[in-house]
Protein backbone atom coordinates (compact mmCIF):
# COMPACT_ATOMS: atom_id res chain seq x y z
CA UNK A 1 -4.25 44.64 64.99
CA UNK A 2 -1.31 46.25 66.59
CA UNK A 3 0.16 43.25 68.22
CA UNK A 4 -1.81 40.82 65.79
CA UNK A 5 0.36 42.52 62.60
CA UNK A 6 3.63 41.91 64.67
CA UNK A 7 2.76 38.94 65.84
CA UNK A 8 2.43 37.75 61.86
CA UNK A 9 5.93 39.68 60.72
CA UNK A 10 7.37 37.56 63.91
CA UNK A 11 5.99 34.36 62.48
CA UNK A 12 7.16 35.31 59.04
CA UNK A 13 10.75 36.10 60.83
CA UNK A 14 10.77 32.73 62.30
CA UNK A 15 9.60 30.67 60.10
CA UNK A 16 12.32 31.67 57.44
CA UNK A 17 14.92 31.14 59.79
CA UNK A 18 13.34 27.71 60.76
CA UNK A 19 12.55 26.87 56.76
CA UNK A 20 15.79 28.17 54.99
CA UNK A 21 18.06 25.12 55.15
CA UNK A 22 15.11 23.38 52.91
CA UNK A 23 15.21 26.59 50.65
CA UNK A 24 11.70 27.15 51.58
CA UNK A 25 11.53 31.44 51.76
CA UNK A 26 8.17 33.41 54.01
CA UNK A 27 7.32 36.89 53.14
CA UNK A 28 3.81 38.18 54.47
CA UNK A 29 2.37 40.73 52.18
CA UNK A 30 0.71 43.36 54.15
CA UNK A 31 -2.00 45.05 51.71
CA UNK A 32 -3.40 48.91 52.39
CA UNK A 33 -7.41 48.86 52.58
CA UNK A 34 -8.58 47.59 49.28
CA UNK A 35 -11.90 48.12 47.66
CA UNK A 36 -13.44 44.63 47.67
CA UNK A 37 -16.19 42.66 47.60
CA UNK A 38 -15.65 41.67 51.74
CA UNK A 39 -14.66 44.65 52.60
CA UNK A 40 -17.71 46.35 51.83
CA UNK A 41 -19.03 44.71 55.19
CA UNK A 42 -16.88 46.40 57.13
CA UNK A 43 -18.40 49.65 59.01
CA UNK A 44 -17.49 52.57 57.97
CA UNK A 45 -15.22 50.86 55.24
CA UNK A 46 -15.61 54.21 52.96
CA UNK A 47 -14.24 56.38 55.74
CA UNK A 48 -11.20 54.20 56.15
CA UNK A 49 -10.97 54.60 52.62
CA UNK A 50 -10.88 58.48 52.37
CA UNK A 51 -8.61 58.30 55.59
CA UNK A 52 -5.93 55.77 54.53
CA UNK A 53 -5.70 57.79 50.81
CA UNK A 54 -5.59 61.59 52.86
CA UNK A 55 -2.68 59.84 54.59
CA UNK A 56 -0.78 58.25 52.11
CA UNK A 57 1.93 59.13 50.27
CA UNK A 58 1.02 58.03 47.21
CA UNK A 59 -2.56 60.02 47.67
CA UNK A 60 -4.29 56.99 46.83
CA UNK A 61 -5.38 52.82 47.24
CA UNK A 62 -3.54 50.48 45.83
CA UNK A 63 -5.08 47.68 43.76
CA UNK A 64 -5.44 43.72 44.20
CA UNK A 65 -3.49 43.82 40.73
CA UNK A 66 -0.85 45.88 42.50
CA UNK A 67 -0.60 43.15 45.28
CA UNK A 68 -0.21 40.66 43.09
CA UNK A 69 2.80 41.80 41.35
CA UNK A 70 4.27 41.85 43.49
CA UNK A 71 3.50 37.93 45.04
CA UNK A 72 4.53 37.20 41.53
CA UNK A 73 7.93 39.25 42.07
CA UNK A 74 8.25 37.25 45.24
CA UNK A 75 7.58 33.81 44.03
CA UNK A 76 9.86 34.62 40.67
CA UNK A 77 13.85 34.13 40.50
CA UNK A 78 14.16 37.69 41.37
CA UNK A 79 13.41 37.50 45.22
CA UNK A 80 15.21 34.38 45.44
CA UNK A 81 17.94 36.58 47.80
CA UNK A 82 14.90 37.18 50.02
CA UNK A 83 13.45 35.16 53.13
CA UNK A 84 11.84 37.10 56.55
CA UNK A 85 10.76 40.15 55.08
CA UNK A 86 7.00 41.84 55.05
CA UNK A 87 6.39 43.50 52.12
CA UNK A 88 4.27 46.28 52.04
CA UNK A 89 1.84 47.42 49.54
CA UNK A 90 -0.07 50.31 50.38
CA UNK A 91 1.01 53.40 48.90
CA UNK A 92 3.21 54.30 51.47
CA UNK A 93 0.47 54.03 54.57
CA UNK A 94 3.08 52.17 56.82
CA UNK A 95 5.52 54.64 56.89
CA UNK A 96 3.24 57.61 57.91
CA UNK A 97 0.37 55.41 60.13
């Protein structure tokens, strides 16, 4: 998964550079594990969730509403000076994983 995430982050930066003069902002939003219907089909998902909670500085998972609020911020005027960024919504898990 590491190379794929790195490629996505690099593509986000490259697209931001390419599309910036057209005033198009580009972001990647990277949530931690989310308890969704789709995730329930992942083998050993409960163990993955437990491990994420135990490692996360926030000691909890984020939920889809929290991810939605971050995305709303990004598309609103508050993030007008940002582009090319990867925004982590994972309770700090990316800092310790």
